[in-house]
């Protein structure tokens, strides 16, 4: 996988979670293979960190959108879905 150019970096926010995750997996694989030069590895690491941030931001946004419908006396109401952390 080659390093991302500036226009590709600008499109990160617009790509889907699945696409960002797939690209991140490619970056990790390239780093794990150990065949990159130092400069290439640094650029891949930078790209991976950007992709990880995009994935994290998209997951946070999705978590905030998850809602459950409750049936109450006044009809249907929307309530934020709370996740129990272990």
PDB file of N, CA and C in Angstrom:
ATOM      1  N   UNK A   1       0.848  -1.182   0.000  1.00  0.00           N
ATOM      2  CA  UNK A   1       0.000   0.000   0.000  1.00  0.00           C
ATOM      3  C   UNK A   1       0.880   1.226   0.000  1.00  0.00           C
ATOM      4  N   UNK A   2       0.597   2.167  -0.897  1.00  0.00           N
ATOM      5  CA  UNK A   2       1.382   3.391  -0.950  1.00  0.00           C
ATOM      6  C   UNK A   2       0.838   4.400   0.056  1.00  0.00           C
ATOM      7  N   UNK A   3       1.650   5.373   0.397  1.00  0.00           N
ATOM      8  CA  UNK A   3       1.234   6.426   1.323  1.00  0.00           C
ATOM      9  C   UNK A   3       0.145   7.268   0.664  1.00  0.00           C
ATOM     10  N   UNK A   4      -0.736   7.834   1.484  1.00  0.00           N
ATOM     11  CA  UNK A   4      -1.818   8.653   0.961  1.00  0.00           C
ATOM     12  C   UNK A   4      -1.319  10.029   0.571  1.00  0.00           C
ATOM     13  N   UNK A   5      -1.840  10.538  -0.538  1.00  0.00           N
ATOM     14  CA  UNK A   5      -1.521  11.904  -0.902  1.00  0.00           C
ATOM     15  C   UNK A   5      -2.525  12.845  -0.226  1.00  0.00           C
ATOM     16  N   UNK A   6      -2.339  14.145  -0.427  1.00  0.00           N
ATOM     17  CA  UNK A   6      -3.148  15.135   0.286  1.00  0.00           C
ATOM     18  C   UNK A   6      -4.637  15.012  -0.026  1.00  0.00           C
ATOM     19  N   UNK A   7      -5.003  14.778  -1.296  1.00  0.00           N
ATOM     20  CA  UNK A   7      -6.421  14.684  -1.638  1.00  0.00           C
ATOM     21  C   UNK A   7      -7.051  13.438  -1.016  1.00  0.00           C
ATOM     22  N   UNK A   8      -6.282  12.362  -0.905  1.00  0.00           N
ATOM     23  CA  UNK A   8      -6.802  11.157  -0.258  1.00  0.00           C
ATOM     24  C   UNK A   8      -7.022  11.410   1.234  1.00  0.00           C
ATOM     25  N   UNK A   9      -6.133  12.166   1.860  1.00  0.00           N
ATOM     26  CA  UNK A   9      -6.299  12.490   3.275  1.00  0.00           C
ATOM     27  C   UNK A   9      -7.552  13.325   3.496  1.00  0.00           C
ATOM     28  N   UNK A  10      -7.837  14.243   2.583  1.00  0.00           N
ATOM     29  CA  UNK A  10      -9.016  15.098   2.724  1.00  0.00           C
ATOM     30  C   UNK A  10     -10.305  14.292   2.589  1.00  0.00           C
ATOM     31  N   UNK A  11     -10.262  13.186   1.853  1.00  0.00           N
ATOM     32  CA  UNK A  11     -11.449  12.365   1.642  1.00  0.00           C
ATOM     33  C   UNK A  11     -11.691  11.364   2.764  1.00  0.00           C
ATOM     34  N   UNK A  12     -10.791  11.275   3.725  1.00  0.00           N
ATOM     35  CA  UNK A  12     -10.950  10.315   4.814  1.00  0.00           C
ATOM     36  C   UNK A  12     -12.252  10.513   5.566  1.00  0.00           C
ATOM     37  N   UNK A  13     -12.595  11.743   5.870  1.00  0.00           N
ATOM     38  CA  UNK A  13     -13.807  12.013   6.639  1.00  0.00           C
ATOM     39  C   UNK A  13     -15.056  11.592   5.884  1.00  0.00           C
ATOM     40  N   UNK A  14     -14.977  11.555   4.563  1.00  0.00           N
ATOM     41  CA  UNK A  14     -16.141  11.214   3.748  1.00  0.00           C
ATOM     42  C   UNK A  14     -16.274   9.708   3.506  1.00  0.00           C
ATOM     43  N   UNK A  15     -15.216   8.944   3.748  1.00  0.00           N
ATOM     44  CA  UNK A  15     -15.298   7.514   3.456  1.00  0.00           C
ATOM     45  C   UNK A  15     -16.071   6.794   4.563  1.00  0.00           C
ATOM     46  N   UNK A  16     -16.579   5.640   4.223  1.00  0.00           N
ATOM     47  CA  UNK A  16     -17.367   4.869   5.176  1.00  0.00           C
ATOM     48  C   UNK A  16     -16.465   4.257   6.238  1.00  0.00           C
ATOM     49  N   UNK A  17     -17.070   3.858   7.341  1.00  0.00           N
ATOM     50  CA  UNK A  17     -16.326   3.185   8.400  1.00  0.00           C
ATOM     51  C   UNK A  17     -15.667   1.921   7.848  1.00  0.00           C
ATOM     52  N   UNK A  18     -16.419   1.166   7.064  1.00  0.00           N
ATOM     53  CA  UNK A  18     -15.914  -0.093   6.531  1.00  0.00           C
ATOM     54  C   UNK A  18     -14.698   0.126   5.626  1.00  0.00           C
ATOM     55  N   UNK A  19     -14.753   1.165   4.799  1.00  0.00           N
ATOM     56  CA  UNK A  19     -13.627   1.451   3.908  1.00  0.00           C
ATOM     57  C   UNK A  19     -12.412   1.904   4.715  1.00  0.00           C
ATOM     58  N   UNK A  20     -12.628   2.764   5.701  1.00  0.00           N
ATOM     59  CA  UNK A  20     -11.522   3.228   6.539  1.00  0.00           C
ATOM     60  C   UNK A  20     -10.900   2.065   7.299  1.00  0.00           C
ATOM     61  N   UNK A  21     -11.727   1.165   7.805  1.00  0.00           N
ATOM     62  CA  UNK A  21     -11.227   0.005   8.542  1.00  0.00           C
ATOM     63  C   UNK A  21     -10.425  -0.917   7.622  1.00  0.00           C
ATOM     64  N   UNK A  22     -10.913  -1.132   6.399  1.00  0.00           N
ATOM     65  CA  UNK A  22     -10.198  -1.979   5.438  1.00  0.00           C
ATOM     66  C   UNK A  22      -8.839  -1.369   5.100  1.00  0.00           C
ATOM     67  N   UNK A  23      -8.808  -0.055   4.914  1.00  0.00           N
ATOM     68  CA  UNK A  23      -7.542   0.620   4.626  1.00  0.00           C
ATOM     69  C   UNK A  23      -6.603   0.524   5.822  1.00  0.00           C
ATOM     70  N   UNK A  24      -7.148   0.664   7.022  1.00  0.00           N
ATOM     71  CA  UNK A  24      -6.336   0.548   8.228  1.00  0.00           C
ATOM     72  C   UNK A  24      -5.730  -0.852   8.335  1.00  0.00           C
ATOM     73  N   UNK A  25      -6.513  -1.861   8.022  1.00  0.00           N
ATOM     74  CA  UNK A  25      -6.012  -3.235   8.056  1.00  0.00           C
ATOM     75  C   UNK A  25      -4.873  -3.425   7.046  1.00  0.00           C
ATOM     76  N   UNK A  26      -4.980  -2.790   5.876  1.00  0.00           N
ATOM     77  CA  UNK A  26      -3.910  -2.863   4.880  1.00  0.00           C
ATOM     78  C   UNK A  26      -2.637  -2.194   5.400  1.00  0.00           C
ATOM     79  N   UNK A  27      -2.788  -1.055   6.049  1.00  0.00           N
ATOM     80  CA  UNK A  27      -1.639  -0.340   6.603  1.00  0.00           C
ATOM     81  C   UNK A  27      -0.952  -1.193   7.664  1.00  0.00           C
ATOM     82  N   UNK A  28      -1.751  -1.767   8.556  1.00  0.00           N
ATOM     83  CA  UNK A  28      -1.191  -2.604   9.617  1.00  0.00           C
ATOM     84  C   UNK A  28      -0.454  -3.796   9.015  1.00  0.00           C
ATOM     85  N   UNK A  29      -1.041  -4.423   8.002  1.00  0.00           N
ATOM     86  CA  UNK A  29      -0.398  -5.566   7.359  1.00  0.00           C
ATOM     87  C   UNK A  29       0.938  -5.164   6.742  1.00  0.00           C
ATOM     88  N   UNK A  30       0.964  -4.014   6.060  1.00  0.00           N
ATOM     89  CA  UNK A  30       2.208  -3.547   5.444  1.00  0.00           C
ATOM     90  C   UNK A  30       3.275  -3.284   6.503  1.00  0.00           C
ATOM     91  N   UNK A  31       2.874  -2.711   7.625  1.00  0.00           N
ATOM     92  CA  UNK A  31       3.833  -2.467   8.708  1.00  0.00           C
ATOM     93  C   UNK A  31       4.317  -3.782   9.316  1.00  0.00           C
ATOM     94  N   UNK A  32       3.411  -4.724   9.492  1.00  0.00           N
ATOM     95  CA  UNK A  32       3.783  -6.016  10.081  1.00  0.00           C
ATOM     96  C   UNK A  32       4.686  -6.837   9.159  1.00  0.00           C
ATOM     97  N   UNK A  33       4.533  -6.664   7.855  1.00  0.00           N
ATOM     98  CA  UNK A  33       5.363  -7.403   6.906  1.00  0.00           C
ATOM     99  C   UNK A  33       6.839  -7.033   7.056  1.00  0.00           C
ATOM    100  N   UNK A  34       7.108  -5.817   7.502  1.00  0.00           N
ATOM    101  CA  UNK A  34       8.477  -5.397   7.769  1.00  0.00           C
ATOM    102  C   UNK A  34       9.333  -5.149   6.545  1.00  0.00           C
ATOM    103  N   UNK A  35       8.717  -4.942   5.400  1.00  0.00           N
ATOM    104  CA  UNK A  35       9.489  -4.734   4.172  1.00  0.00           C
ATOM    105  C   UNK A  35       9.526  -3.276   3.731  1.00  0.00           C
ATOM    106  N   UNK A  36       9.020  -2.372   4.544  1.00  0.00           N
ATOM    107  CA  UNK A  36       9.012  -0.949   4.207  1.00  0.00           C
ATOM    108  C   UNK A  36      10.320  -0.300   4.633  1.00  0.00           C
ATOM    109  N   UNK A  37      10.696   0.735   3.903  1.00  0.00           N
ATOM    110  CA  UNK A  37      11.824   1.537   4.363  1.00  0.00           C
ATOM    111  C   UNK A  37      11.374   2.318   5.587  1.00  0.00           C
ATOM    112  N   UNK A  38      12.308   2.906   6.288  1.00  0.00           N
ATOM    113  CA  UNK A  38      11.954   3.680   7.477  1.00  0.00           C
ATOM    114  C   UNK A  38      10.998   4.813   7.134  1.00  0.00           C
ATOM    115  N   UNK A  39      11.296   5.540   6.060  1.00  0.00           N
ATOM    116  CA  UNK A  39      10.415   6.643   5.659  1.00  0.00           C
ATOM    117  C   UNK A  39       9.019   6.145   5.282  1.00  0.00           C
ATOM    118  N   UNK A  40       8.951   5.022   4.580  1.00  0.00           N
ATOM    119  CA  UNK A  40       7.655   4.450   4.218  1.00  0.00           C
ATOM    120  C   UNK A  40       6.896   4.002   5.470  1.00  0.00           C
ATOM    121  N   UNK A  41       7.610   3.404   6.408  1.00  0.00           N
ATOM    122  CA  UNK A  41       6.969   2.950   7.644  1.00  0.00           C
ATOM    123  C   UNK A  41       6.413   4.127   8.434  1.00  0.00           C
ATOM    124  N   UNK A  42       7.153   5.209   8.483  1.00  0.00           N
ATOM    125  CA  UNK A  42       6.673   6.403   9.197  1.00  0.00           C
ATOM    126  C   UNK A  42       5.426   6.954   8.522  1.00  0.00           C
ATOM    127  N   UNK A  43       5.433   7.012   7.204  1.00  0.00           N
ATOM    128  CA  UNK A  43       4.263   7.520   6.475  1.00  0.00           C
ATOM    129  C   UNK A  43       3.070   6.587   6.657  1.00  0.00           C
ATOM    130  N   UNK A  44       3.304   5.290   6.631  1.00  0.00           N
ATOM    131  CA  UNK A  44       2.220   4.335   6.861  1.00  0.00           C
ATOM    132  C   UNK A  44       1.674   4.477   8.280  1.00  0.00           C
ATOM    133  N   UNK A  45       2.562   4.667   9.236  1.00  0.00           N
ATOM    134  CA  UNK A  45       2.123   4.855  10.622  1.00  0.00           C
ATOM    135  C   UNK A  45       1.236   6.098  10.732  1.00  0.00           C
ATOM    136  N   UNK A  46       1.658   7.183  10.094  1.00  0.00           N
ATOM    137  CA  UNK A  46       0.870   8.427  10.103  1.00  0.00           C
ATOM    138  C   UNK A  46      -0.508   8.187   9.469  1.00  0.00           C
ATOM    139  N   UNK A  47      -0.522   7.503   8.354  1.00  0.00           N
ATOM    140  CA  UNK A  47      -1.780   7.187   7.680  1.00  0.00           C
ATOM    141  C   UNK A  47      -2.661   6.315   8.568  1.00  0.00           C
ATOM    142  N   UNK A  48      -2.048   5.318   9.204  1.00  0.00           N
ATOM    143  CA  UNK A  48      -2.801   4.438  10.095  1.00  0.00           C
ATOM    144  C   UNK A  48      -3.427   5.190  11.252  1.00  0.00           C
ATOM    145  N   UNK A  49      -2.694   6.134  11.817  1.00  0.00           N
ATOM    146  CA  UNK A  49      -3.240   6.928  12.920  1.00  0.00           C
ATOM    147  C   UNK A  49      -4.425   7.775  12.448  1.00  0.00           C
ATOM    148  N   UNK A  50      -4.325   8.323  11.245  1.00  0.00           N
ATOM    149  CA  UNK A  50      -5.441   9.098  10.695  1.00  0.00           C
ATOM    150  C   UNK A  50      -6.661   8.202  10.461  1.00  0.00           C
ATOM    151  N   UNK A  51      -6.420   7.023   9.924  1.00  0.00           N
ATOM    152  CA  UNK A  51      -7.525   6.085   9.687  1.00  0.00           C
ATOM    153  C   UNK A  51      -8.145   5.621  11.004  1.00  0.00           C
ATOM    154  N   UNK A  52      -7.314   5.381  12.012  1.00  0.00           N
ATOM    155  CA  UNK A  52      -7.833   4.973  13.318  1.00  0.00           C
ATOM    156  C   UNK A  52      -8.715   6.066  13.902  1.00  0.00           C
ATOM    157  N   UNK A  53      -8.317   7.326  13.728  1.00  0.00           N
ATOM    158  CA  UNK A  53      -9.123   8.443  14.224  1.00  0.00           C
ATOM    159  C   UNK A  53     -10.466   8.507  13.491  1.00  0.00           C
ATOM    160  N   UNK A  54     -10.440   8.317  12.178  1.00  0.00           N
ATOM    161  CA  UNK A  54     -11.691   8.318  11.406  1.00  0.00           C
ATOM    162  C   UNK A  54     -12.608   7.208  11.904  1.00  0.00           C
ATOM    163  N   UNK A  55     -12.058   6.011  12.096  1.00  0.00           N
ATOM    164  CA  UNK A  55     -12.865   4.886  12.590  1.00  0.00           C
ATOM    165  C   UNK A  55     -13.430   5.191  13.976  1.00  0.00           C
ATOM    166  N   UNK A  56     -12.594   5.697  14.861  1.00  0.00           N
ATOM    167  CA  UNK A  56     -13.035   6.018  16.220  1.00  0.00           C
ATOM    168  C   UNK A  56     -14.137   7.080  16.192  1.00  0.00           C
ATOM    169  N   UNK A  57     -13.954   8.129  15.375  1.00  0.00           N
ATOM    170  CA  UNK A  57     -14.964   9.191  15.280  1.00  0.00           C
ATOM    171  C   UNK A  57     -16.284   8.652  14.734  1.00  0.00           C
ATOM    172  N   UNK A  58     -16.192   7.787  13.728  1.00  0.00           N
ATOM    173  CA  UNK A  58     -17.419   7.233  13.150  1.00  0.00           C
ATOM    174  C   UNK A  58     -18.127   6.308  14.133  1.00  0.00           C
ATOM    175  N   UNK A  59     -17.378   5.546  14.907  1.00  0.00           N
ATOM    176  CA  UNK A  59     -17.989   4.689  15.928  1.00  0.00           C
ATOM    177  C   UNK A  59     -18.645   5.529  17.019  1.00  0.00           C
ATOM    178  N   UNK A  60     -18.001   6.606  17.417  1.00  0.00           N
ATOM    179  CA  UNK A  60     -18.574   7.493  18.428  1.00  0.00           C
ATOM    180  C   UNK A  60     -19.871   8.107  17.925  1.00  0.00           C
ATOM    181  N   UNK A  61     -19.869   8.546  16.683  1.00  0.00           N
ATOM    182  CA  UNK A  61     -21.081   9.122  16.103  1.00  0.00           C
ATOM    183  C   UNK A  61     -22.196   8.080  16.026  1.00  0.00           C
ATOM    184  N   UNK A  62     -21.859   6.874  15.614  1.00  0.00           N
ATOM    185  CA  UNK A  62     -22.866   5.812  15.533  1.00  0.00           C
ATOM    186  C   UNK A  62     -23.425   5.491  16.913  1.00  0.00           C
ATOM    187  N   UNK A  63     -22.564   5.469  17.910  1.00  0.00           N
ATOM    188  CA  UNK A  63     -23.002   5.195  19.276  1.00  0.00           C
ATOM    189  C   UNK A  63     -23.995   6.256  19.747  1.00  0.00           C
ATOM    190  N   UNK A  64     -23.729   7.506  19.390  1.00  0.00           N
ATOM    191  CA  UNK A  64     -24.616   8.595  19.785  1.00  0.00           C
ATOM    192  C   UNK A  64     -25.963   8.515  19.079  1.00  0.00           C
ATOM    193  N   UNK A  65     -25.993   7.902  17.894  1.00  0.00           N
ATOM    194  CA  UNK A  65     -27.239   7.808  17.131  1.00  0.00           C
ATOM    195  C   UNK A  65     -28.116   6.638  17.565  1.00  0.00           C
ATOM    196  N   UNK A  66     -27.531   5.686  18.267  1.00  0.00           N
ATOM    197  CA  UNK A  66     -28.298   4.513  18.670  1.00  0.00           C
ATOM    198  C   UNK A  66     -29.345   4.949  19.694  1.00  0.00           C
ATOM    199  N   UNK A  67     -30.555   4.697  19.377  1.00  0.00           N
ATOM    200  CA  UNK A  67     -31.645   5.073  20.280  1.00  0.00           C
ATOM    201  C   UNK A  67     -32.609   3.904  20.403  1.00  0.00           C
ATOM    202  N   UNK A  68     -33.343   3.926  21.468  1.00  0.00           N
ATOM    203  CA  UNK A  68     -34.375   2.896  21.593  1.00  0.00           C
ATOM    204  C   UNK A  68     -35.730   3.567  21.756  1.00  0.00           C
ATOM    205  N   UNK A  69     -36.713   2.923  21.263  1.00  0.00           N
ATOM    206  CA  UNK A  69     -38.073   3.449  21.335  1.00  0.00           C
ATOM    207  C   UNK A  69     -38.738   2.890  22.585  1.00  0.00           C
ATOM    208  N   UNK A  70     -39.241   3.779  23.360  1.00  0.00           N
ATOM    209  CA  UNK A  70     -39.960   3.366  24.561  1.00  0.00           C
ATOM    210  C   UNK A  70     -41.424   3.723  24.400  1.00  0.00           C
ATOM    211  N   UNK A  71     -42.248   2.848  24.835  1.00  0.00           N
ATOM    212  CA  UNK A  71     -43.668   3.118  24.791  1.00  0.00           C
ATOM    213  C   UNK A  71     -44.084   3.657  26.152  1.00  0.00           C
ATOM    214  N   UNK A  72     -44.555   4.885  26.157  1.00  0.00           N
ATOM    215  CA  UNK A  72     -44.966   5.512  27.406  1.00  0.00           C
ATOM    216  C   UNK A  72     -46.408   5.957  27.346  1.00  0.00           C
ATOM    217  N   UNK A  73     -46.864   6.610  28.392  1.00  0.00           N
ATOM    218  CA  UNK A  73     -48.243   7.083  28.455  1.00  0.00           C
ATOM    219  C   UNK A  73     -48.532   8.124  27.391  1.00  0.00           C
ATOM    220  N   UNK A  74     -47.537   8.881  27.026  1.00  0.00           N
ATOM    221  CA  UNK A  74     -47.733   9.945  26.032  1.00  0.00           C
ATOM    222  C   UNK A  74     -47.428   9.467  24.618  1.00  0.00           C
ATOM    223  N   UNK A  75     -47.333   8.174  24.408  1.00  0.00           N
ATOM    224  CA  UNK A  75     -47.012   7.628  23.092  1.00  0.00           C
ATOM    225  C   UNK A  75     -45.553   7.216  23.027  1.00  0.00           C
ATOM    226  N   UNK A  76     -45.050   7.174  21.833  1.00  0.00           N
ATOM    227  CA  UNK A  76     -43.664   6.768  21.642  1.00  0.00           C
ATOM    228  C   UNK A  76     -42.714   7.906  21.989  1.00  0.00           C
ATOM    229  N   UNK A  77     -41.678   7.591  22.695  1.00  0.00           N
ATOM    230  CA  UNK A  77     -40.649   8.576  23.008  1.00  0.00           C
ATOM    231  C   UNK A  77     -39.297   7.989  22.623  1.00  0.00           C
ATOM    232  N   UNK A  78     -38.358   8.876  22.397  1.00  0.00           N
ATOM    233  CA  UNK A  78     -37.010   8.452  22.041  1.00  0.00           C
ATOM    234  C   UNK A  78     -36.102   8.682  23.232  1.00  0.00           C
ATOM    235  N   UNK A  79     -35.279   7.695  23.487  1.00  0.00           N
ATOM    236  CA  UNK A  79     -34.345   7.797  24.604  1.00  0.00           C
ATOM    237  C   UNK A  79     -32.989   7.285  24.145  1.00  0.00           C
ATOM    238  N   UNK A  80     -31.950   7.958  24.553  1.00  0.00           N
ATOM    239  CA  UNK A  80     -30.606   7.529  24.149  1.00  0.00           C
ATOM    240  C   UNK A  80     -30.333   6.133  24.696  1.00  0.00           C
ATOM    241  N   UNK A  81     -29.673   5.344  23.881  1.00  0.00           N
ATOM    242  CA  UNK A  81     -29.309   3.983  24.278  1.00  0.00           C
ATOM    243  C   UNK A  81     -28.047   4.052  25.111  1.00  0.00           C
ATOM    244  N   UNK A  82     -28.106   3.512  26.313  1.00  0.00           N
ATOM    245  CA  UNK A  82     -26.951   3.550  27.189  1.00  0.00           C
ATOM    246  C   UNK A  82     -26.256   2.206  27.157  1.00  0.00           C
ATOM    247  N   UNK A  83     -24.937   2.267  26.999  1.00  0.00           N
ATOM    248  CA  UNK A  83     -24.132   1.063  26.937  1.00  0.00           C
ATOM    249  C   UNK A  83     -23.504   0.834  28.303  1.00  0.00           C
ATOM    250  N   UNK A  84     -23.668  -0.375  28.815  1.00  0.00           N
ATOM    251  CA  UNK A  84     -23.061  -0.709  30.096  1.00  0.00           C
ATOM    252  C   UNK A  84     -21.630  -1.130  29.850  1.00  0.00           C
ATOM    253  N   UNK A  85     -20.694  -0.468  30.543  1.00  0.00           N
ATOM    254  CA  UNK A  85     -19.292  -0.824  30.401  1.00  0.00           C
ATOM    255  C   UNK A  85     -18.910  -1.814  31.465  1.00  0.00           C
ATOM    256  N   UNK A  86     -18.112  -2.790  31.079  1.00  0.00           N
ATOM    257  CA  UNK A  86     -17.697  -3.827  32.035  1.00  0.00           C
ATOM    258  C   UNK A  86     -16.408  -3.457  32.697  1.00  0.00           C
TER     259      UNK A  86
END
